[in-house]
């Protein structure tokens, strides 16, 4: 495997992990909202939004460079 292919593979794995974290934070937000814990839910929402921002940027980069790495 070439170094570029290893890098790309690693970035795709990192992206999947970040997406899973974002989904988990969304679930935790929803669960806390149902329990009436709005401050805790807001904290999870904020963390999820931060992660999602980076997920979106990483996707943009990966799709833009998919055949150049």
C-alpha atoms as a PDB file:
ATOM      1  CA  UNK A   1       0.000   0.000   0.000  1.00  0.00           C
ATOM      2  CA  UNK A   2       1.284   3.463  -0.873  1.00  0.00           C
ATOM      3  CA  UNK A   3       1.655   6.136   1.764  1.00  0.00           C
ATOM      4  CA  UNK A   4      -1.144   8.192   0.175  1.00  0.00           C
ATOM      5  CA  UNK A   5      -3.510   5.214   0.279  1.00  0.00           C
ATOM      6  CA  UNK A   6      -2.684   4.593   3.940  1.00  0.00           C
ATOM      7  CA  UNK A   7      -3.322   8.248   4.742  1.00  0.00           C
ATOM      8  CA  UNK A   8      -6.645   8.246   2.905  1.00  0.00           C
ATOM      9  CA  UNK A   9      -7.745   5.024   4.605  1.00  0.00           C
ATOM     10  CA  UNK A  10      -6.819   6.429   7.998  1.00  0.00           C
ATOM     11  CA  UNK A  11      -8.775   9.622   7.341  1.00  0.00           C
ATOM     12  CA  UNK A  12     -11.883   7.650   6.292  1.00  0.00           C
ATOM     13  CA  UNK A  13     -11.665   5.619   9.498  1.00  0.00           C
ATOM     14  CA  UNK A  14     -11.282   8.801  11.552  1.00  0.00           C
ATOM     15  CA  UNK A  15     -14.321  10.230   9.775  1.00  0.00           C
ATOM     16  CA  UNK A  16     -16.429   7.176  10.634  1.00  0.00           C
ATOM     17  CA  UNK A  17     -15.359   7.387  14.283  1.00  0.00           C
ATOM     18  CA  UNK A  18     -16.261  11.078  14.396  1.00  0.00           C
ATOM     19  CA  UNK A  19     -19.655  10.360  12.802  1.00  0.00           C
ATOM     20  CA  UNK A  20     -20.327   7.672  15.405  1.00  0.00           C
ATOM     21  CA  UNK A  21     -19.437  10.138  18.162  1.00  0.00           C
ATOM     22  CA  UNK A  22     -21.757  12.727  16.647  1.00  0.00           C
ATOM     23  CA  UNK A  23     -24.592  10.184  16.536  1.00  0.00           C
ATOM     24  CA  UNK A  24     -23.949   9.173  20.147  1.00  0.00           C
ATOM     25  CA  UNK A  25     -23.998  12.804  21.288  1.00  0.00           C
ATOM     26  CA  UNK A  26     -27.305  13.323  19.443  1.00  0.00           C
ATOM     27  CA  UNK A  27     -28.785  10.292  21.213  1.00  0.00           C
ATOM     28  CA  UNK A  28     -27.534  11.559  24.568  1.00  0.00           C
ATOM     29  CA  UNK A  29     -29.045  14.964  23.820  1.00  0.00           C
ATOM     30  CA  UNK A  30     -32.407  13.383  22.982  1.00  0.00           C
ATOM     31  CA  UNK A  31     -32.333  11.151  26.076  1.00  0.00           C
ATOM     32  CA  UNK A  32     -31.571  14.074  28.343  1.00  0.00           C
ATOM     33  CA  UNK A  33     -34.305  16.198  26.777  1.00  0.00           C
ATOM     34  CA  UNK A  34     -36.810  13.411  27.450  1.00  0.00           C
ATOM     35  CA  UNK A  35     -35.671  13.352  31.089  1.00  0.00           C
ATOM     36  CA  UNK A  36     -36.093  17.121  31.376  1.00  0.00           C
ATOM     37  CA  UNK A  37     -32.369  17.734  31.723  1.00  0.00           C
ATOM     38  CA  UNK A  38     -32.205  20.633  29.314  1.00  0.00           C
ATOM     39  CA  UNK A  39     -28.802  21.967  30.443  1.00  0.00           C
ATOM     40  CA  UNK A  40     -27.184  18.570  29.972  1.00  0.00           C
ATOM     41  CA  UNK A  41     -28.957  18.160  26.630  1.00  0.00           C
ATOM     42  CA  UNK A  42     -27.703  21.569  25.499  1.00  0.00           C
ATOM     43  CA  UNK A  43     -24.160  20.555  26.415  1.00  0.00           C
ATOM     44  CA  UNK A  44     -24.423  17.403  24.306  1.00  0.00           C
ATOM     45  CA  UNK A  45     -25.988  19.377  21.445  1.00  0.00           C
ATOM     46  CA  UNK A  46     -23.112  21.871  21.484  1.00  0.00           C
ATOM     47  CA  UNK A  47     -20.506  19.101  21.477  1.00  0.00           C
ATOM     48  CA  UNK A  48     -22.372  17.350  18.669  1.00  0.00           C
ATOM     49  CA  UNK A  49     -22.504  20.513  16.596  1.00  0.00           C
ATOM     50  CA  UNK A  50     -18.762  21.015  17.068  1.00  0.00           C
ATOM     51  CA  UNK A  51     -18.019  17.447  15.965  1.00  0.00           C
ATOM     52  CA  UNK A  52     -20.425  17.725  13.026  1.00  0.00           C
ATOM     53  CA  UNK A  53     -18.642  20.851  11.811  1.00  0.00           C
ATOM     54  CA  UNK A  54     -15.389  18.906  11.653  1.00  0.00           C
ATOM     55  CA  UNK A  55     -17.104  15.889  10.076  1.00  0.00           C
ATOM     56  CA  UNK A  56     -18.457  18.099   7.296  1.00  0.00           C
ATOM     57  CA  UNK A  57     -15.054  19.711   6.701  1.00  0.00           C
ATOM     58  CA  UNK A  58     -13.318  16.344   6.648  1.00  0.00           C
ATOM     59  CA  UNK A  59     -15.852  15.015   4.132  1.00  0.00           C
ATOM     60  CA  UNK A  60     -15.270  18.042   1.915  1.00  0.00           C
ATOM     61  CA  UNK A  61     -11.530  17.448   1.991  1.00  0.00           C
ATOM     62  CA  UNK A  62     -11.762  13.696   1.447  1.00  0.00           C
ATOM     63  CA  UNK A  63     -14.159  13.969  -1.463  1.00  0.00           C
ATOM     64  CA  UNK A  64     -12.144  16.800  -3.034  1.00  0.00           C
ATOM     65  CA  UNK A  65      -8.879  14.852  -2.790  1.00  0.00           C
ATOM     66  CA  UNK A  66     -10.222  11.319  -3.194  1.00  0.00           C
ATOM     67  CA  UNK A  67      -8.128  10.530  -6.270  1.00  0.00           C
ATOM     68  CA  UNK A  68      -5.105  12.677  -5.480  1.00  0.00           C
ATOM     69  CA  UNK A  69      -3.784  11.228  -2.223  1.00  0.00           C
END
